[in-house]
Amino acid sequence: MTATLIRLSFAGIRTRLLASILTVLVCGAAAATIVITLEVGSTGVTPWNRTFDVANGAHILVTASSEQDALAVADLPGVAESDEPLPRIRATLVIQEKDVRVLLSGLTGPPSINLPLLTRGSALSPGGIVLERSMATALGVDLGTKVSVVTVDGPLELEVLGIAISPSQPRYPRSNPGIGWVTR
């Protein structure tokens, strides 16, 4: 039975040569499209996965109203790893005479989870700021640029020491406000 079906299919190829060639071409194009789609998909995800691994990215980020609340979340059952709570404030940066909303994270040292990865510049030090890369790019900010943070005591001038990426931060300006890291 199988041999008969194979003979009939090849007999059809000889009698309908143009239709058979077009069928083979369409099937080949469909297979090539599937392979290209899978490759493009994996290429787009792989850099983010590498960044997530190197930064020891957080699977869940918690915003808490107090340090005690954050520590209570860290003690919940099922929490495998946690870091010290990072204070984060909403602030206004004045960059090249333009007001920009930003979340400033106060660091005492490099965090063990969700580490901002420097792509250019130097590590954070007092009197400086490290900006997230997509924000710095969108605003045209480069290393050495002076920015001012609006405070109740008046403007606080900081120098951009570094540009970093964070796997938990969506691209600016799609995600607004942007993020910056300063010393506490």
N, C-alpha and C. Protein backbone atom coordinates (compact mmCIF):
# COMPACT_ATOMS: atom_id res chain seq x y z
N MET A 1 0.83 -1.19 0.00
CA MET A 1 0.00 0.00 0.00
C MET A 1 0.88 1.26 0.00
N THR A 2 1.90 1.31 0.87
CA THR A 2 2.78 2.47 0.95
C THR A 2 3.54 2.66 -0.36
N ALA A 3 4.00 1.56 -0.94
CA ALA A 3 4.74 1.65 -2.20
C ALA A 3 3.85 2.23 -3.30
N THR A 4 2.59 1.86 -3.30
CA THR A 4 1.66 2.36 -4.30
C THR A 4 1.45 3.87 -4.13
N LEU A 5 1.33 4.32 -2.90
CA LEU A 5 1.14 5.75 -2.65
C LEU A 5 2.37 6.55 -3.10
N ILE A 6 3.56 6.03 -2.83
CA ILE A 6 4.79 6.73 -3.23
C ILE A 6 4.87 6.80 -4.76
N ARG A 7 4.55 5.67 -5.45
CA ARG A 7 4.57 5.67 -6.92
C ARG A 7 3.57 6.67 -7.49
N LEU A 8 2.40 6.73 -6.89
CA LEU A 8 1.39 7.67 -7.38
C LEU A 8 1.82 9.13 -7.17
N SER A 9 2.47 9.42 -6.02
CA SER A 9 2.88 10.80 -5.77
C SER A 9 3.98 11.22 -6.74
N PHE A 10 4.91 10.31 -7.03
CA PHE A 10 5.96 10.66 -7.99
C PHE A 10 5.42 10.71 -9.42
N ALA A 11 4.41 9.93 -9.71
CA ALA A 11 3.79 10.00 -11.04
C ALA A 11 3.12 11.36 -11.22
N GLY A 12 2.53 11.87 -10.14
CA GLY A 12 1.90 13.19 -10.19
C GLY A 12 2.92 14.29 -10.40
N ILE A 13 4.13 14.11 -9.87
CA ILE A 13 5.17 15.12 -10.03
C ILE A 13 5.54 15.24 -11.50
N ARG A 14 5.68 14.09 -12.19
CA ARG A 14 6.08 14.12 -13.60
C ARG A 14 5.00 14.75 -14.49
N THR A 15 3.76 14.54 -14.15
CA THR A 15 2.70 15.07 -15.00
C THR A 15 2.41 16.55 -14.71
N ARG A 16 2.69 17.00 -13.50
CA ARG A 16 2.46 18.40 -13.12
C ARG A 16 3.76 19.01 -12.62
N LEU A 17 4.74 19.14 -13.47
CA LEU A 17 6.08 19.56 -13.10
C LEU A 17 6.10 20.98 -12.51
N LEU A 18 5.45 21.94 -13.15
CA LEU A 18 5.45 23.32 -12.67
C LEU A 18 4.79 23.43 -11.30
N ALA A 19 3.64 22.79 -11.12
CA ALA A 19 2.94 22.82 -9.83
C ALA A 19 3.79 22.16 -8.75
N SER A 20 4.49 21.11 -9.08
CA SER A 20 5.33 20.41 -8.11
C SER A 20 6.50 21.28 -7.69
N ILE A 21 7.14 21.96 -8.64
CA ILE A 21 8.27 22.84 -8.32
C ILE A 21 7.80 23.99 -7.44
N LEU A 22 6.65 24.59 -7.77
CA LEU A 22 6.11 25.68 -6.95
C LEU A 22 5.77 25.20 -5.54
N THR A 23 5.25 24.00 -5.40
CA THR A 23 4.93 23.45 -4.08
C THR A 23 6.19 23.27 -3.25
N VAL A 24 7.24 22.75 -3.88
CA VAL A 24 8.51 22.57 -3.17
C VAL A 24 9.08 23.94 -2.76
N LEU A 25 9.01 24.94 -3.64
CA LEU A 25 9.51 26.27 -3.30
C LEU A 25 8.73 26.91 -2.16
N VAL A 26 7.41 26.78 -2.18
CA VAL A 26 6.59 27.34 -1.11
C VAL A 26 6.90 26.66 0.23
N CYS A 27 7.03 25.35 0.22
CA CYS A 27 7.37 24.62 1.46
C CYS A 27 8.76 25.02 1.96
N GLY A 28 9.71 25.18 1.05
CA GLY A 28 11.05 25.60 1.44
C GLY A 28 11.05 27.00 2.02
N ALA A 29 10.28 27.91 1.41
CA ALA A 29 10.20 29.29 1.92
C ALA A 29 9.55 29.31 3.31
N ALA A 30 8.52 28.47 3.51
CA ALA A 30 7.87 28.41 4.82
C ALA A 30 8.84 27.88 5.88
N ALA A 31 9.60 26.85 5.54
CA ALA A 31 10.57 26.30 6.50
C ALA A 31 11.65 27.33 6.81
N ALA A 32 12.13 28.05 5.80
CA ALA A 32 13.16 29.07 6.01
C ALA A 32 12.63 30.20 6.90
N THR A 33 11.38 30.60 6.70
CA THR A 33 10.77 31.64 7.51
C THR A 33 10.69 31.22 8.97
N ILE A 34 10.31 29.99 9.21
CA ILE A 34 10.23 29.49 10.59
C ILE A 34 11.60 29.51 11.25
N VAL A 35 12.63 29.03 10.54
CA VAL A 35 13.98 29.01 11.10
C VAL A 35 14.47 30.42 11.40
N ILE A 36 14.25 31.36 10.48
CA ILE A 36 14.68 32.75 10.70
C ILE A 36 13.94 33.36 11.89
N THR A 37 12.66 33.10 12.01
CA THR A 37 11.87 33.63 13.13
C THR A 37 12.40 33.11 14.46
N LEU A 38 12.69 31.84 14.54
CA LEU A 38 13.23 31.27 15.78
C LEU A 38 14.60 31.86 16.11
N GLU A 39 15.44 32.05 15.11
CA GLU A 39 16.77 32.63 15.34
C GLU A 39 16.68 34.07 15.81
N VAL A 40 15.84 34.86 15.17
CA VAL A 40 15.69 36.26 15.56
C VAL A 40 15.14 36.35 16.98
N GLY A 41 14.18 35.50 17.31
CA GLY A 41 13.62 35.49 18.67
C GLY A 41 14.66 35.16 19.71
N SER A 42 15.49 34.16 19.47
CA SER A 42 16.50 33.80 20.46
C SER A 42 17.60 34.85 20.53
N THR A 43 17.92 35.48 19.42
CA THR A 43 18.94 36.54 19.42
C THR A 43 18.47 37.73 20.24
N GLY A 44 17.20 38.05 20.17
CA GLY A 44 16.67 39.18 20.92
C GLY A 44 16.61 38.93 22.42
N VAL A 45 16.44 37.69 22.85
CA VAL A 45 16.30 37.37 24.26
C VAL A 45 17.65 37.11 24.92
N THR A 46 18.60 36.55 24.19
CA THR A 46 19.88 36.14 24.77
C THR A 46 20.63 37.28 25.45
N PRO A 47 20.78 38.47 24.86
CA PRO A 47 21.50 39.53 25.57
C PRO A 47 20.85 39.90 26.90
N TRP A 48 19.53 39.95 26.93
CA TRP A 48 18.86 40.28 28.19
C TRP A 48 19.11 39.19 29.23
N ASN A 49 19.06 37.93 28.82
CA ASN A 49 19.33 36.83 29.77
C ASN A 49 20.74 36.93 30.33
N ARG A 50 21.72 37.25 29.48
CA ARG A 50 23.10 37.39 29.96
C ARG A 50 23.19 38.55 30.95
N THR A 51 22.56 39.67 30.63
CA THR A 51 22.56 40.82 31.54
C THR A 51 21.90 40.46 32.87
N PHE A 52 20.79 39.77 32.80
CA PHE A 52 20.06 39.36 34.00
C PHE A 52 20.94 38.48 34.89
N ASP A 53 21.66 37.54 34.27
CA ASP A 53 22.53 36.64 35.04
C ASP A 53 23.69 37.38 35.67
N VAL A 54 24.37 38.23 34.91
CA VAL A 54 25.53 38.96 35.42
C VAL A 54 25.11 39.92 36.54
N ALA A 55 23.96 40.56 36.39
CA ALA A 55 23.49 41.53 37.38
C ALA A 55 22.81 40.85 38.57
N ASN A 56 22.71 39.52 38.54
CA ASN A 56 21.95 38.78 39.55
C ASN A 56 20.57 39.43 39.69
N GLY A 57 19.90 39.51 38.55
CA GLY A 57 18.63 40.21 38.45
C GLY A 57 17.57 39.68 39.40
N ALA A 58 16.72 40.56 39.84
CA ALA A 58 15.64 40.21 40.76
C ALA A 58 14.46 39.66 39.98
N HIS A 59 13.94 38.54 40.44
CA HIS A 59 12.73 37.99 39.83
C HIS A 59 11.51 38.79 40.27
N ILE A 60 11.58 39.32 41.48
CA ILE A 60 10.50 40.16 42.00
C ILE A 60 11.13 41.35 42.72
N LEU A 61 10.68 42.54 42.37
CA LEU A 61 11.09 43.75 43.08
C LEU A 61 9.91 44.23 43.91
N VAL A 62 10.16 44.56 45.14
CA VAL A 62 9.09 45.00 46.03
C VAL A 62 9.33 46.46 46.39
N THR A 63 8.29 47.25 46.28
CA THR A 63 8.33 48.62 46.75
C THR A 63 7.55 48.65 48.06
N ALA A 64 8.22 49.06 49.13
CA ALA A 64 7.60 49.07 50.45
C ALA A 64 7.63 50.50 50.98
N SER A 65 6.69 50.80 51.87
CA SER A 65 6.59 52.16 52.41
C SER A 65 7.58 52.42 53.54
N SER A 66 8.13 51.35 54.13
CA SER A 66 9.11 51.54 55.20
C SER A 66 10.14 50.41 55.14
N GLU A 67 11.25 50.63 55.83
CA GLU A 67 12.30 49.61 55.86
C GLU A 67 11.81 48.36 56.58
N GLN A 68 10.99 48.53 57.63
CA GLN A 68 10.46 47.36 58.34
C GLN A 68 9.57 46.52 57.43
N ASP A 69 8.76 47.17 56.59
CA ASP A 69 7.91 46.43 55.65
C ASP A 69 8.76 45.65 54.65
N ALA A 70 9.83 46.28 54.18
CA ALA A 70 10.71 45.60 53.23
C ALA A 70 11.39 44.39 53.88
N LEU A 71 11.83 44.56 55.11
CA LEU A 71 12.47 43.44 55.81
C LEU A 71 11.46 42.32 56.10
N ALA A 72 10.21 42.69 56.36
CA ALA A 72 9.17 41.68 56.59
C ALA A 72 8.93 40.86 55.33
N VAL A 73 8.95 41.51 54.18
CA VAL A 73 8.78 40.79 52.91
C VAL A 73 9.94 39.84 52.70
N ALA A 74 11.15 40.28 53.03
CA ALA A 74 12.34 39.44 52.86
C ALA A 74 12.28 38.19 53.73
N ASP A 75 11.56 38.26 54.86
CA ASP A 75 11.46 37.11 55.77
C ASP A 75 10.30 36.17 55.43
N LEU A 76 9.52 36.48 54.41
CA LEU A 76 8.39 35.62 54.05
C LEU A 76 8.87 34.25 53.56
N PRO A 77 8.08 33.21 53.79
CA PRO A 77 8.46 31.88 53.29
C PRO A 77 8.52 31.89 51.76
N GLY A 78 9.50 31.22 51.21
CA GLY A 78 9.65 31.12 49.76
C GLY A 78 10.61 32.15 49.18
N VAL A 79 11.02 33.14 49.97
CA VAL A 79 11.99 34.12 49.49
C VAL A 79 13.37 33.48 49.60
N ALA A 80 13.99 33.25 48.45
CA ALA A 80 15.28 32.55 48.42
C ALA A 80 16.45 33.48 48.70
N GLU A 81 16.36 34.72 48.27
CA GLU A 81 17.48 35.64 48.43
C GLU A 81 16.93 37.06 48.49
N SER A 82 17.53 37.87 49.33
CA SER A 82 17.13 39.28 49.41
C SER A 82 18.36 40.12 49.69
N ASP A 83 18.22 41.39 49.49
CA ASP A 83 19.30 42.34 49.72
C ASP A 83 18.78 43.38 50.70
N GLU A 84 19.68 44.23 51.17
CA GLU A 84 19.23 45.30 52.05
C GLU A 84 18.30 46.23 51.28
N PRO A 85 17.30 46.78 51.95
CA PRO A 85 16.40 47.70 51.26
C PRO A 85 17.15 48.93 50.74
N LEU A 86 16.82 49.34 49.53
CA LEU A 86 17.43 50.53 48.93
C LEU A 86 16.44 51.68 49.00
N PRO A 87 16.84 52.78 49.62
CA PRO A 87 15.94 53.93 49.59
C PRO A 87 15.87 54.49 48.17
N ARG A 88 14.67 54.81 47.76
CA ARG A 88 14.45 55.34 46.42
C ARG A 88 13.52 56.53 46.54
N ILE A 89 13.93 57.64 45.96
CA ILE A 89 13.09 58.84 46.03
C ILE A 89 12.81 59.35 44.61
N ARG A 90 11.66 59.97 44.48
CA ARG A 90 11.34 60.66 43.23
C ARG A 90 11.98 62.04 43.31
N ALA A 91 12.68 62.39 42.27
CA ALA A 91 13.38 63.67 42.28
C ALA A 91 13.28 64.31 40.91
N THR A 92 13.69 65.55 40.86
CA THR A 92 13.77 66.28 39.59
C THR A 92 15.23 66.61 39.34
N LEU A 93 15.73 66.18 38.20
CA LEU A 93 17.07 66.53 37.77
C LEU A 93 16.96 67.67 36.78
N VAL A 94 17.88 68.60 36.86
CA VAL A 94 17.97 69.65 35.86
C VAL A 94 19.18 69.28 34.99
N ILE A 95 18.87 68.89 33.77
CA ILE A 95 19.91 68.46 32.83
C ILE A 95 19.83 69.39 31.63
N GLN A 96 20.89 70.13 31.40
CA GLN A 96 20.97 71.07 30.28
C GLN A 96 19.73 71.98 30.25
N GLU A 97 19.43 72.55 31.42
CA GLU A 97 18.32 73.49 31.61
C GLU A 97 16.95 72.86 31.35
N LYS A 98 16.84 71.56 31.49
CA LYS A 98 15.57 70.87 31.28
C LYS A 98 15.26 70.06 32.54
N ASP A 99 14.02 70.16 33.06
CA ASP A 99 13.61 69.38 34.22
C ASP A 99 13.24 67.97 33.79
N VAL A 100 13.83 66.98 34.47
CA VAL A 100 13.61 65.56 34.13
C VAL A 100 13.26 64.83 35.41
N ARG A 101 12.16 64.08 35.38
CA ARG A 101 11.79 63.26 36.54
C ARG A 101 12.68 62.03 36.58
N VAL A 102 13.09 61.65 37.80
CA VAL A 102 13.98 60.51 37.95
C VAL A 102 13.74 59.85 39.31
N LEU A 103 13.98 58.54 39.37
CA LEU A 103 14.01 57.83 40.64
C LEU A 103 15.47 57.70 41.03
N LEU A 104 15.83 58.21 42.19
CA LEU A 104 17.21 58.10 42.66
C LEU A 104 17.28 56.99 43.69
N SER A 105 18.15 56.02 43.46
CA SER A 105 18.39 54.93 44.41
C SER A 105 19.67 55.24 45.17
N GLY A 106 19.58 55.20 46.49
CA GLY A 106 20.74 55.47 47.33
C GLY A 106 21.50 54.20 47.64
N LEU A 107 22.75 54.14 47.22
CA LEU A 107 23.57 52.95 47.43
C LEU A 107 24.65 53.24 48.47
N THR A 108 24.95 52.22 49.29
CA THR A 108 26.09 52.30 50.20
C THR A 108 27.27 51.52 49.64
N GLY A 109 27.01 50.71 48.67
CA GLY A 109 28.00 49.89 47.99
C GLY A 109 27.26 49.13 46.91
N PRO A 110 27.95 48.30 46.14
CA PRO A 110 27.23 47.57 45.09
C PRO A 110 26.25 46.57 45.70
N PRO A 111 25.00 46.60 45.27
CA PRO A 111 24.03 45.63 45.78
C PRO A 111 24.36 44.23 45.28
N SER A 112 23.91 43.22 46.02
CA SER A 112 24.17 41.85 45.59
C SER A 112 23.08 41.37 44.62
N ILE A 113 21.94 42.01 44.63
CA ILE A 113 20.83 41.65 43.73
C ILE A 113 20.48 42.87 42.89
N ASN A 114 20.24 42.64 41.60
CA ASN A 114 19.85 43.71 40.69
C ASN A 114 20.92 44.80 40.61
N LEU A 115 22.14 44.36 40.46
CA LEU A 115 23.31 45.24 40.39
C LEU A 115 23.27 46.06 39.10
N PRO A 116 23.41 47.41 39.19
CA PRO A 116 23.51 48.18 37.95
C PRO A 116 24.88 47.90 37.31
N LEU A 117 24.88 47.51 36.04
CA LEU A 117 26.11 47.14 35.34
C LEU A 117 26.63 48.33 34.55
N LEU A 118 27.81 48.77 34.89
CA LEU A 118 28.41 49.90 34.18
C LEU A 118 28.73 49.51 32.74
N THR A 119 28.32 50.35 31.82
CA THR A 119 28.70 50.15 30.42
C THR A 119 29.80 51.14 30.04
N ARG A 120 29.83 52.28 30.74
CA ARG A 120 30.88 53.29 30.53
C ARG A 120 31.08 54.04 31.83
N GLY A 121 32.28 54.57 31.99
CA GLY A 121 32.55 55.42 33.14
C GLY A 121 33.10 54.65 34.32
N SER A 122 32.96 55.27 35.48
CA SER A 122 33.53 54.70 36.70
C SER A 122 32.44 54.43 37.73
N ALA A 123 32.86 53.73 38.77
CA ALA A 123 31.92 53.37 39.83
C ALA A 123 31.44 54.62 40.56
N LEU A 124 30.38 54.45 41.28
CA LEU A 124 29.74 55.54 42.02
C LEU A 124 30.63 56.00 43.17
N SER A 125 30.70 57.30 43.35
CA SER A 125 31.41 57.89 44.49
C SER A 125 30.65 59.14 44.92
N PRO A 126 30.90 59.62 46.15
CA PRO A 126 30.17 60.82 46.62
C PRO A 126 30.33 62.00 45.66
N GLY A 127 29.24 62.71 45.47
CA GLY A 127 29.24 63.86 44.57
C GLY A 127 28.99 63.50 43.12
N GLY A 128 28.69 62.22 42.88
CA GLY A 128 28.45 61.79 41.51
C GLY A 128 27.15 61.03 41.38
N ILE A 129 26.80 60.75 40.14
CA ILE A 129 25.58 60.01 39.82
C ILE A 129 25.90 59.06 38.67
N VAL A 130 25.28 57.89 38.69
CA VAL A 130 25.33 56.96 37.58
C VAL A 130 23.92 56.92 37.00
N LEU A 131 23.80 57.14 35.71
CA LEU A 131 22.49 57.17 35.05
C LEU A 131 22.27 55.90 34.25
N GLU A 132 21.01 55.50 34.15
CA GLU A 132 20.64 54.35 33.33
C GLU A 132 20.88 54.71 31.87
N ARG A 133 21.39 53.77 31.10
CA ARG A 133 21.87 54.03 29.74
C ARG A 133 20.81 54.60 28.80
N SER A 134 19.61 54.04 28.76
CA SER A 134 18.61 54.55 27.81
C SER A 134 18.19 55.97 28.16
N MET A 135 18.19 56.30 29.44
CA MET A 135 17.87 57.66 29.85
C MET A 135 18.97 58.62 29.42
N ALA A 136 20.22 58.24 29.69
CA ALA A 136 21.34 59.10 29.31
C ALA A 136 21.37 59.32 27.79
N THR A 137 21.11 58.27 27.04
CA THR A 137 21.11 58.38 25.58
C THR A 137 19.98 59.29 25.10
N ALA A 138 18.77 59.08 25.63
CA ALA A 138 17.62 59.88 25.20
C ALA A 138 17.79 61.36 25.52
N LEU A 139 18.47 61.65 26.62
CA LEU A 139 18.65 63.05 27.03
C LEU A 139 19.95 63.66 26.52
N GLY A 140 20.77 62.85 25.85
CA GLY A 140 22.03 63.36 25.32
C GLY A 140 23.06 63.66 26.40
N VAL A 141 23.02 62.90 27.49
CA VAL A 141 23.93 63.12 28.61
C VAL A 141 25.12 62.19 28.46
N ASP A 142 26.32 62.74 28.66
CA ASP A 142 27.54 61.93 28.57
C ASP A 142 28.30 62.03 29.88
N LEU A 143 29.35 61.25 29.99
CA LEU A 143 30.18 61.27 31.19
C LEU A 143 30.73 62.69 31.40
N GLY A 144 30.79 63.09 32.65
CA GLY A 144 31.31 64.41 32.99
C GLY A 144 30.27 65.52 32.97
N THR A 145 29.08 65.25 32.47
CA THR A 145 28.01 66.25 32.44
C THR A 145 27.60 66.59 33.88
N LYS A 146 27.39 67.85 34.14
CA LYS A 146 26.91 68.29 35.46
C LYS A 146 25.39 68.34 35.43
N VAL A 147 24.77 67.72 36.44
CA VAL A 147 23.32 67.76 36.59
C VAL A 147 23.02 68.28 37.99
N SER A 148 21.87 68.88 38.14
CA SER A 148 21.45 69.40 39.45
C SER A 148 20.22 68.64 39.92
N VAL A 149 20.23 68.28 41.19
CA VAL A 149 19.06 67.67 41.81
C VAL A 149 18.36 68.77 42.59
N VAL A 150 17.06 68.93 42.35
CA VAL A 150 16.28 69.93 43.06
C VAL A 150 16.00 69.41 44.47
N THR A 151 16.46 70.13 45.50
CA THR A 151 16.22 69.76 46.89
C THR A 151 15.57 70.93 47.61
N VAL A 152 15.10 70.67 48.83
CA VAL A 152 14.49 71.75 49.62
C VAL A 152 15.53 72.77 50.04
N ASP A 153 16.80 72.36 50.12
CA ASP A 153 17.87 73.28 50.49
C ASP A 153 18.49 73.97 49.29
N GLY A 154 17.95 73.75 48.13
CA GLY A 154 18.51 74.34 46.92
C GLY A 154 19.09 73.25 46.03
N PRO A 155 19.60 73.64 44.86
CA PRO A 155 20.10 72.64 43.92
C PRO A 155 21.39 71.98 44.43
N LEU A 156 21.47 70.67 44.21
CA LEU A 156 22.67 69.89 44.54
C LEU A 156 23.29 69.45 43.23
N GLU A 157 24.50 69.91 42.96
CA GLU A 157 25.14 69.60 41.68
C GLU A 157 25.90 68.28 41.78
N LEU A 158 25.68 67.41 40.79
CA LEU A 158 26.34 66.11 40.70
C LEU A 158 26.97 65.96 39.32
N GLU A 159 28.03 65.19 39.26
CA GLU A 159 28.68 64.90 37.98
C GLU A 159 28.31 63.48 37.56
N VAL A 160 28.01 63.30 36.28
CA VAL A 160 27.70 61.97 35.75
C VAL A 160 29.01 61.20 35.67
N LEU A 161 29.14 60.21 36.56
CA LEU A 161 30.37 59.40 36.63
C LEU A 161 30.29 58.16 35.76
N GLY A 162 29.08 57.65 35.57
CA GLY A 162 28.94 56.41 34.83
C GLY A 162 27.59 56.27 34.16
N ILE A 163 27.55 55.36 33.22
CA ILE A 163 26.33 54.98 32.52
C ILE A 163 26.17 53.48 32.77
N ALA A 164 24.98 53.05 33.19
CA ALA A 164 24.78 51.65 33.56
C ALA A 164 23.47 51.11 32.98
N ILE A 165 23.37 49.80 32.97
CA ILE A 165 22.11 49.14 32.59
C ILE A 165 21.64 48.31 33.77
N SER A 166 20.33 48.11 33.82
CA SER A 166 19.73 47.30 34.86
C SER A 166 18.64 46.45 34.21
N PRO A 167 18.66 45.13 34.44
CA PRO A 167 17.65 44.29 33.77
C PRO A 167 16.23 44.55 34.25
N SER A 168 16.07 45.21 35.40
CA SER A 168 14.72 45.46 35.90
C SER A 168 14.14 46.79 35.43
N GLN A 169 14.93 47.57 34.73
CA GLN A 169 14.48 48.90 34.32
C GLN A 169 14.10 48.90 32.85
N PRO A 170 12.83 49.14 32.53
CA PRO A 170 12.45 49.27 31.12
C PRO A 170 13.11 50.49 30.49
N ARG A 171 13.13 50.52 29.17
CA ARG A 171 13.81 51.61 28.45
C ARG A 171 13.10 52.94 28.66
N TYR A 172 13.91 53.96 28.83
CA TYR A 172 13.44 55.33 28.92
C TYR A 172 13.31 55.86 27.49
N PRO A 173 12.36 56.64 27.12
CA PRO A 173 11.31 57.29 27.87
C PRO A 173 10.02 56.48 27.95
N ARG A 174 10.02 55.26 27.38
CA ARG A 174 8.81 54.44 27.48
C ARG A 174 8.45 54.25 28.94
N SER A 175 9.45 54.03 29.78
CA SER A 175 9.25 53.95 31.22
C SER A 175 9.75 55.26 31.82
N ASN A 176 8.84 56.02 32.34
CA ASN A 176 9.20 57.32 32.88
C ASN A 176 8.66 57.41 34.29
N PRO A 177 9.40 57.73 35.30
CA PRO A 177 10.71 58.36 35.28
C PRO A 177 11.84 57.37 35.03
N GLY A 178 12.99 57.95 34.66
CA GLY A 178 14.19 57.16 34.50
C GLY A 178 14.79 56.85 35.86
N ILE A 179 15.96 56.23 35.87
CA ILE A 179 16.58 55.87 37.14
C ILE A 179 18.03 56.33 37.17
N GLY A 180 18.44 56.72 38.37
CA GLY A 180 19.83 57.08 38.61
C GLY A 180 20.26 56.53 39.96
N TRP A 181 21.55 56.31 40.11
CA TRP A 181 22.09 55.78 41.36
C TRP A 181 23.03 56.81 41.95
N VAL A 182 22.86 57.08 43.24
CA VAL A 182 23.70 58.02 43.97
C VAL A 182 24.13 57.35 45.28
N THR A 183 25.13 57.96 45.93
CA THR A 183 25.48 57.47 47.26
C THR A 183 24.48 58.02 48.25
N ARG A 184 24.30 57.32 49.34
CA ARG A 184 23.33 57.78 50.33
C ARG A 184 23.84 59.03 51.01
